[in-house]
Structure formats: structure tokens, C-alpha cells
Amino acid sequence: MRVTKQGAPAIPAIEVRGLYKKYGQNSVLEDVYLTVKPGEVYALTGPNGAGKTTLIRTMTGLAFPTDGEVRLLGRDVHTDGQRARAYLGAVVEAPAKFYPQFTGTQNLQVHANLSAMAPGGRKISRDRIREVLALLELTRMADRRVEEYSLGQRQRLGVASAILAEPKVLILDEPTSGLDPLGIGLIHRIVTSLATSGCAVVLSTHHLREIATYAHTVGILTGGRLVDTVDLRARQAAYRFRVDDPVGAAAVLERLPFVRRVSTRTPYAIAHLGGESRVPDALSHLSAEGIRVFEASPDHFDLYEYYRERVEQA
């Protein structure tokens, strides 16, 4: 667990504890627990109807849980809502709603004024509004009415409004829906940059192979239950060795001090080495033990296949 300089545990950016949500007799969320740290990108995925938007609405305080709690930076979002949401930026059920007769700049100014009036809010300058419009590549649309925007442009304007006040927690519901590949890449770069600066990001998505390249954690939600949490960082630095004896190779690799985890998938022995620089050492030890190696290559984790299997099992 990360600790502060004083030795106290760092406060998670988001904590969801034992969350239940029912509409009448219908259970939408069941006993959901998740934690997101500052600087972490947490991707929430699952089939349609799994409860993703309900979970996001509950995390942002737009819906009340039947049981359980949500904390943002240590504050309960439902009992201490205004202060809990002071550092929250969010887009729920995208595309975000705007005044269609106002320009993009005018809509962001309205958002800035409301943000400044909230407890703990601060004044947002016009320079900051221009900055986020440029960041989302909307400068040429800044003085045009939102009713003239395409779906993708409204989607990007929603993200601009969410990051306007420089949040410490950012929650986005399907932020890349309706975007072309360039727009998707833009959102990915912005999310990565915010996380690098310490912002905690939660986003829901169906684009598994894309988010696998930059998310730190993936939560798989199905039937209202969080059935798995995948730490993508722990899946990195794995290498596969195509050998004549996978079991024997695994036994050799297991004894090496720099190898964290070993498995077999015939005809491969798969090892988490801690980095590419260890591959020659592993090859040397395998050869010394009489193991014939025909190929050594990175073993990329296929998030889509893993997700499909977990959902089918659930």
C-alpha cells in the first residue's frame, strides 16, 4: 500500500464498498467493491445491461445506492456530496447535454460559472476554456452553436467540460462512443496525460484491445456483479519460449531469481521476467539445462479473449 511522507496510508481517489442497487424488485448492482488510486486508469467493461452506467451514476452521486457507500478522496459522495464532488469531473450517459443554441465556448463558460459557485470551487479563466477547447481539437468550432456539432464533436466537448476545472477524479461513461479512430486516440492521450499528473480516471468502454494499451486496471461487470479485476501491469513483461519440453523449461525458469511467475501453454513455457533484458539470461539457463528453444517472443495478454471467457463463465 502506498503511504504518505508521514507514514499514513494514502487516501484512495475512489472507494466503492459493498454497493447494492435495486429498482423495485430488480437488482442492478450486487456487492460491488472497487478501489482506484490517484494516477490510475480504471476501465470498467461488461455486456450491455451489466450495470455499468448505474454504477457510474452511483459513483458520481447521481443515483443513491440501496446499500453500501462510495467515497471520493475520502468523502462519502451521498452524505457529503458537494464537498466530495469538489474535485470530480464527469460525463455520464454521453454525449453530455449542452444548450444547443449556445456556442461551445458559451457552454463551457456556463459550466465554469457553475463550478466556481460550488463549495470548494474556483474561478476558471477564459484562457483555461480556450486551452481545453484546443486540447480537444475544437478551436475551430468554439464560436459555433452546439446544435451544429457532430456527435463526435459533442462527445469531445463533454470531455472538455469534465476536465475544465482540472479534476483529481475523472469519471467518463463511454467517452469514445461515436468517435473516429483519431478522436479515440485523442481521448486516450488526454486520459493518459491526466493520470500521469495524478488524476484518477474511471471510464466505461467496450473497446477492450484499445484500453489494454493504456489502462492500469480493468473491472469486468456482468449481471450487476464485478466478476473480475484485471491488473494489466501484472500481465506485462511476460515472454513465451517455444521449446521441446515445456514442463521441463518451466521447472528451469521457476528456479531463476528474476522470474516472478511461470506457466505452460504447449508448446510454450511462459515466464514473467521483469523486462526484455532478462531474455538472454533465460535462454542461457534453458540451453545449459538441455532445453531446446525454437522461439522466444513477448506473450501479449489478450484482454478480449480473457474477457469473453470470464463473461461466459459468469
Protein backbone atom coordinates (compact mmCIF):
# COMPACT_ATOMS: atom_id res chain seq x y z
CA MET A 1 0.00 0.00 0.00
CA ARG A 2 1.30 3.45 -0.91
CA VAL A 3 1.92 5.70 2.10
CA THR A 4 2.33 9.41 2.56
CA LYS A 5 5.52 11.05 3.83
CA GLN A 6 4.09 10.93 7.34
CA GLY A 7 3.65 7.17 7.05
CA ALA A 8 -0.17 7.17 6.92
CA PRO A 9 -1.83 5.16 4.14
CA ALA A 10 -2.64 7.30 1.10
CA ILE A 11 -6.34 8.01 0.65
CA PRO A 12 -7.74 6.20 -2.41
CA ALA A 13 -9.23 8.52 -5.02
CA ILE A 14 -12.33 6.31 -5.29
CA GLU A 15 -13.64 3.63 -2.96
CA VAL A 16 -16.78 1.61 -3.63
CA ARG A 17 -17.74 -0.61 -0.72
CA GLY A 18 -20.43 -3.28 -0.77
CA LEU A 19 -22.59 -1.42 -3.28
CA TYR A 20 -26.10 -2.68 -3.99
CA LYS A 21 -28.69 -1.02 -6.19
CA LYS A 22 -32.26 -2.16 -6.75
CA TYR A 23 -35.09 -0.69 -8.76
CA GLY A 24 -38.18 -2.23 -7.23
CA GLN A 25 -37.52 -5.95 -7.14
CA ASN A 26 -34.86 -5.79 -9.84
CA SER A 27 -31.29 -5.99 -8.58
CA VAL A 28 -28.96 -3.96 -10.83
CA LEU A 29 -25.78 -3.98 -8.71
CA GLU A 30 -24.77 -6.62 -6.18
CA ASP A 31 -22.00 -6.28 -3.61
CA VAL A 32 -19.60 -4.26 -5.75
CA TYR A 33 -16.20 -3.36 -4.29
CA LEU A 34 -13.54 -1.42 -6.15
CA THR A 35 -10.69 0.95 -5.37
CA VAL A 36 -8.96 3.41 -7.68
CA LYS A 37 -5.72 5.11 -6.68
CA PRO A 38 -4.52 8.57 -7.72
CA GLY A 39 -2.83 8.30 -11.11
CA GLU A 40 -4.63 5.08 -12.02
CA VAL A 41 -6.74 4.49 -15.13
CA TYR A 42 -9.52 2.04 -14.27
CA ALA A 43 -11.55 0.73 -17.22
CA LEU A 44 -14.98 -0.69 -16.49
CA THR A 45 -16.32 -3.11 -19.07
CA GLY A 46 -19.08 -5.64 -19.48
CA PRO A 47 -22.02 -6.61 -21.71
CA ASN A 48 -24.88 -4.22 -22.38
CA GLY A 49 -27.18 -4.20 -19.37
CA ALA A 50 -24.42 -5.29 -16.99
CA GLY A 51 -24.94 -2.24 -14.76
CA LYS A 52 -22.01 -0.05 -15.88
CA THR A 53 -23.97 3.18 -16.24
CA THR A 54 -25.85 2.56 -12.99
CA LEU A 55 -22.52 2.05 -11.22
CA ILE A 56 -21.13 5.25 -12.72
CA ARG A 57 -24.29 7.20 -11.81
CA THR A 58 -23.94 5.93 -8.25
CA MET A 59 -20.23 6.75 -8.11
CA THR A 60 -20.90 10.33 -9.19
CA GLY A 61 -23.80 10.83 -6.77
CA LEU A 62 -26.50 10.96 -9.46
CA ALA A 63 -28.11 7.78 -8.09
CA PHE A 64 -28.39 6.60 -4.49
CA PRO A 65 -27.38 3.06 -3.55
CA THR A 66 -29.76 0.64 -1.89
CA ASP A 67 -26.83 -0.32 0.33
CA GLY A 68 -23.11 0.33 0.50
CA GLU A 69 -21.12 3.52 0.01
CA VAL A 70 -18.97 5.45 -2.43
CA ARG A 71 -16.10 7.69 -1.30
CA LEU A 72 -14.28 10.24 -3.42
CA LEU A 73 -10.98 11.35 -1.88
CA GLY A 74 -12.20 10.07 1.48
CA ARG A 75 -15.62 11.76 1.46
CA ASP A 76 -18.95 9.97 1.07
CA VAL A 77 -20.44 11.13 -2.21
CA HIS A 78 -24.02 10.67 -0.96
CA THR A 79 -23.85 12.12 2.56
CA ASP A 80 -21.18 14.77 1.91
CA GLY A 81 -21.98 15.28 -1.74
CA GLN A 82 -20.90 18.83 -2.51
CA ARG A 83 -17.51 18.54 -0.84
CA ALA A 84 -17.00 15.00 -2.17
CA ARG A 85 -17.62 16.20 -5.73
CA ALA A 86 -15.45 19.33 -5.41
CA TYR A 87 -12.62 17.69 -7.35
CA LEU A 88 -14.75 15.48 -9.61
CA GLY A 89 -15.12 15.82 -13.36
CA ALA A 90 -17.58 13.53 -15.12
CA VAL A 91 -19.55 12.75 -18.24
CA VAL A 92 -22.42 10.35 -17.57
CA GLU A 93 -24.53 8.85 -20.35
CA ALA A 94 -22.59 10.54 -23.13
CA PRO A 95 -22.86 12.61 -25.18
CA ALA A 96 -23.15 15.24 -22.47
CA LYS A 97 -26.12 17.59 -22.59
CA PHE A 98 -25.47 21.20 -23.65
CA TYR A 99 -27.53 24.23 -24.58
CA PRO A 100 -27.80 23.68 -28.35
CA GLN A 101 -28.39 27.37 -29.11
CA PHE A 102 -25.15 28.37 -27.29
CA THR A 103 -21.67 28.07 -28.75
CA GLY A 104 -19.11 25.62 -27.41
CA THR A 105 -17.31 28.47 -25.63
CA GLN A 106 -20.57 29.76 -24.09
CA ASN A 107 -21.48 26.29 -22.85
CA LEU A 108 -18.09 25.87 -21.21
CA GLN A 109 -18.44 29.33 -19.64
CA VAL A 110 -21.77 28.27 -18.12
CA HIS A 111 -20.07 25.16 -16.79
CA ALA A 112 -17.20 27.26 -15.42
CA ASN A 113 -19.62 29.63 -13.65
CA LEU A 114 -21.47 26.73 -12.00
CA SER A 115 -18.19 25.12 -10.97
CA ALA A 116 -16.99 28.37 -9.37
CA MET A 117 -20.19 28.67 -7.31
CA ALA A 118 -19.90 25.15 -5.87
CA PRO A 119 -18.33 24.70 -2.39
CA GLY A 120 -14.59 24.49 -2.85
CA GLY A 121 -14.91 25.72 -6.43
CA ARG A 122 -12.58 28.22 -8.01
CA LYS A 123 -12.77 30.75 -10.79
CA ILE A 124 -11.96 29.31 -14.22
CA SER A 125 -10.33 31.74 -16.63
CA ARG A 126 -11.20 32.27 -20.27
CA ASP A 127 -7.66 31.17 -21.06
CA ARG A 128 -8.43 27.80 -19.46
CA ILE A 129 -11.58 27.49 -21.58
CA ARG A 130 -9.55 28.19 -24.73
CA GLU A 131 -6.92 25.71 -23.52
CA VAL A 132 -9.33 22.79 -23.16
CA LEU A 133 -11.02 23.58 -26.46
CA ALA A 134 -7.61 23.43 -28.14
CA LEU A 135 -6.73 20.24 -26.24
CA LEU A 136 -9.89 18.56 -27.57
CA GLU A 137 -9.21 19.99 -31.06
CA LEU A 138 -12.38 22.10 -31.01
CA THR A 139 -10.86 25.55 -31.55
CA ARG A 140 -12.40 26.00 -34.99
CA MET A 141 -15.82 25.05 -33.56
CA ALA A 142 -15.51 27.20 -30.44
CA ASP A 143 -17.81 30.00 -31.65
CA ARG A 144 -20.34 27.84 -33.43
CA ARG A 145 -23.61 26.71 -31.86
CA VAL A 146 -23.56 23.23 -30.38
CA GLU A 147 -26.59 22.27 -32.49
CA GLU A 148 -24.16 22.38 -35.44
CA TYR A 149 -21.73 19.94 -33.81
CA SER A 150 -21.41 16.34 -34.94
CA LEU A 151 -21.85 13.52 -32.43
CA GLY A 152 -18.09 13.17 -32.11
CA GLN A 153 -17.62 16.90 -31.55
CA ARG A 154 -20.29 16.92 -28.81
CA GLN A 155 -18.55 13.94 -27.28
CA ARG A 156 -15.27 15.83 -27.19
CA LEU A 157 -16.97 18.94 -25.81
CA GLY A 158 -18.30 16.77 -22.98
CA VAL A 159 -14.77 15.66 -22.11
CA ALA A 160 -13.65 19.31 -22.29
CA SER A 161 -16.31 20.25 -19.72
CA ALA A 162 -15.27 17.37 -17.47
CA ILE A 163 -11.60 18.39 -17.35
CA LEU A 164 -12.20 22.15 -17.29
CA ALA A 165 -11.72 22.52 -13.53
CA GLU A 166 -8.64 20.25 -13.52
CA PRO A 167 -10.25 17.44 -11.51
CA LYS A 168 -8.47 14.99 -9.26
CA VAL A 169 -11.06 12.33 -10.14
CA LEU A 170 -12.42 11.92 -13.68
CA ILE A 171 -15.31 9.56 -14.47
CA LEU A 172 -16.33 9.06 -18.10
CA ASP A 173 -19.17 6.91 -19.41
CA GLU A 174 -18.27 5.58 -22.88
CA PRO A 175 -16.09 8.61 -23.77
CA THR A 176 -15.08 7.26 -27.19
CA SER A 177 -18.58 6.31 -28.38
CA GLY A 178 -19.24 7.93 -31.75
CA LEU A 179 -15.62 8.97 -32.27
CA ASP A 180 -13.47 8.14 -35.29
CA PRO A 181 -10.04 6.49 -34.76
CA LEU A 182 -8.29 9.88 -34.50
CA GLY A 183 -10.80 11.05 -31.90
CA ILE A 184 -10.39 7.84 -29.92
CA GLY A 185 -6.62 8.29 -29.94
CA LEU A 186 -7.04 11.88 -28.75
CA ILE A 187 -9.15 10.84 -25.76
CA HIS A 188 -6.65 8.11 -24.91
CA ARG A 189 -3.77 10.60 -24.92
CA ILE A 190 -5.67 13.03 -22.70
CA VAL A 191 -6.62 10.31 -20.22
CA THR A 192 -3.03 9.06 -20.08
CA SER A 193 -1.71 12.60 -19.54
CA LEU A 194 -4.18 13.28 -16.73
CA ALA A 195 -3.30 10.01 -15.00
CA THR A 196 0.40 10.82 -15.27
CA SER A 197 -0.29 14.09 -13.46
CA GLY A 198 -2.02 12.19 -10.62
CA CYS A 199 -5.68 12.26 -11.65
CA ALA A 200 -7.65 9.05 -11.02
CA VAL A 201 -9.66 8.07 -14.10
CA VAL A 202 -12.59 5.67 -14.35
CA LEU A 203 -14.12 5.05 -17.74
CA SER A 204 -16.60 2.56 -19.11
CA THR A 205 -15.87 1.09 -22.51
CA HIS A 206 -16.34 -1.78 -24.93
CA HIS A 207 -13.05 -1.07 -26.75
CA LEU A 208 -11.02 -3.72 -24.95
CA ARG A 209 -8.00 -4.02 -27.21
CA GLU A 210 -7.56 -0.23 -27.21
CA ILE A 211 -7.83 0.33 -23.48
CA ALA A 212 -5.46 -2.61 -22.89
CA THR A 213 -2.68 -0.37 -24.22
CA TYR A 214 -3.05 2.34 -21.57
CA ALA A 215 -5.37 1.31 -18.71
CA HIS A 216 -3.82 0.04 -15.49
CA THR A 217 -6.82 -1.96 -14.25
CA VAL A 218 -9.90 -3.45 -15.89
CA GLY A 219 -13.03 -4.34 -13.94
CA ILE A 220 -15.37 -6.86 -15.61
CA LEU A 221 -19.00 -6.28 -14.65
CA THR A 222 -21.75 -8.68 -15.65
CA GLY A 223 -25.19 -9.26 -14.19
CA GLY A 224 -24.57 -6.43 -11.73
CA ARG A 225 -21.56 -8.19 -10.19
CA LEU A 226 -17.90 -7.31 -10.55
CA VAL A 227 -16.73 -10.79 -11.53
CA ASP A 228 -13.05 -9.96 -12.05
CA THR A 229 -10.48 -7.23 -11.67
CA VAL A 230 -7.52 -7.49 -14.03
CA ASP A 231 -4.26 -5.75 -13.16
CA LEU A 232 -2.83 -5.13 -16.61
CA ARG A 233 0.52 -4.05 -15.18
CA ALA A 234 0.99 -7.53 -13.72
CA ARG A 235 0.30 -9.03 -17.17
CA GLN A 236 3.21 -7.19 -18.75
CA ALA A 237 6.80 -8.36 -19.18
CA ALA A 238 5.74 -11.94 -19.97
CA TYR A 239 7.71 -13.88 -22.57
CA ARG A 240 6.96 -17.19 -24.18
CA PHE A 241 9.57 -19.76 -25.13
CA ARG A 242 8.65 -22.38 -27.74
CA VAL A 243 10.58 -25.40 -26.57
CA ASP A 244 10.80 -29.17 -26.93
CA ASP A 245 9.85 -29.70 -23.27
CA PRO A 246 7.50 -27.00 -21.85
CA VAL A 247 7.22 -28.64 -18.40
CA GLY A 248 10.99 -29.06 -18.11
CA ALA A 249 11.56 -25.49 -19.32
CA ALA A 250 9.06 -24.17 -16.75
CA ALA A 251 10.94 -26.00 -13.99
CA VAL A 252 14.22 -24.40 -15.10
CA LEU A 253 12.70 -20.91 -15.36
CA GLU A 254 10.99 -21.24 -11.99
CA ARG A 255 14.37 -21.53 -10.25
CA LEU A 256 15.68 -18.24 -11.65
CA PRO A 257 15.62 -15.36 -9.12
CA PHE A 258 14.41 -12.76 -11.64
CA VAL A 259 11.40 -14.81 -12.76
CA ARG A 260 8.17 -13.86 -10.96
CA ARG A 261 5.71 -16.35 -12.40
CA VAL A 262 5.81 -19.33 -14.77
CA SER A 263 3.15 -21.27 -16.64
CA THR A 264 2.90 -23.59 -19.62
CA ARG A 265 0.77 -23.49 -22.74
CA THR A 266 2.03 -26.24 -25.04
CA PRO A 267 4.34 -25.84 -26.91
CA TYR A 268 5.32 -22.80 -24.82
CA ALA A 269 6.77 -22.14 -21.40
CA ILE A 270 5.67 -18.64 -20.31
CA ALA A 271 7.63 -16.59 -17.79
CA HIS A 272 7.29 -13.12 -16.30
CA LEU A 273 10.88 -11.95 -16.43
CA GLY A 274 10.66 -8.35 -15.27
CA GLY A 275 11.91 -6.98 -18.58
CA GLU A 276 13.30 -7.74 -22.03
CA SER A 277 16.88 -7.52 -20.78
CA ARG A 278 16.39 -10.83 -18.94
CA VAL A 279 15.56 -12.82 -22.08
CA PRO A 280 19.22 -13.69 -22.92
CA ASP A 281 19.76 -14.89 -19.32
CA ALA A 282 16.69 -17.11 -19.53
CA LEU A 283 17.83 -18.53 -22.87
CA SER A 284 21.29 -19.24 -21.46
CA HIS A 285 19.87 -21.18 -18.49
CA LEU A 286 17.46 -23.16 -20.68
CA SER A 287 20.28 -24.12 -23.04
CA ALA A 288 22.55 -25.11 -20.12
CA GLU A 289 19.84 -27.49 -18.90
CA GLY A 290 19.49 -29.14 -22.32
CA ILE A 291 16.19 -27.47 -23.24
CA ARG A 292 15.95 -26.76 -26.98
CA VAL A 293 14.43 -23.31 -27.67
CA PHE A 294 12.94 -22.69 -31.11
CA GLU A 295 11.48 -19.24 -30.48
CA ALA A 296 11.37 -16.51 -27.81
CA SER A 297 8.86 -13.64 -28.07
CA PRO A 298 6.67 -11.37 -25.93
CA ASP A 299 3.47 -13.07 -24.77
CA HIS A 300 0.91 -10.32 -25.21
CA PHE A 301 -2.11 -10.59 -22.93
CA ASP A 302 -5.31 -10.81 -24.99
CA LEU A 303 -7.79 -8.87 -22.87
CA TYR A 304 -10.65 -9.52 -25.29
CA GLU A 305 -10.25 -13.30 -25.12
CA TYR A 306 -9.87 -13.19 -21.35
CA TYR A 307 -12.99 -11.01 -21.04
CA ARG A 308 -15.01 -13.32 -23.28
CA GLU A 309 -14.08 -16.35 -21.22
CA ARG A 310 -14.87 -14.65 -17.89
CA VAL A 311 -18.26 -13.39 -19.08
CA GLU A 312 -19.17 -16.83 -20.43
CA GLN A 313 -18.15 -18.44 -17.13
CA ALA A 314 -20.22 -15.93 -15.15
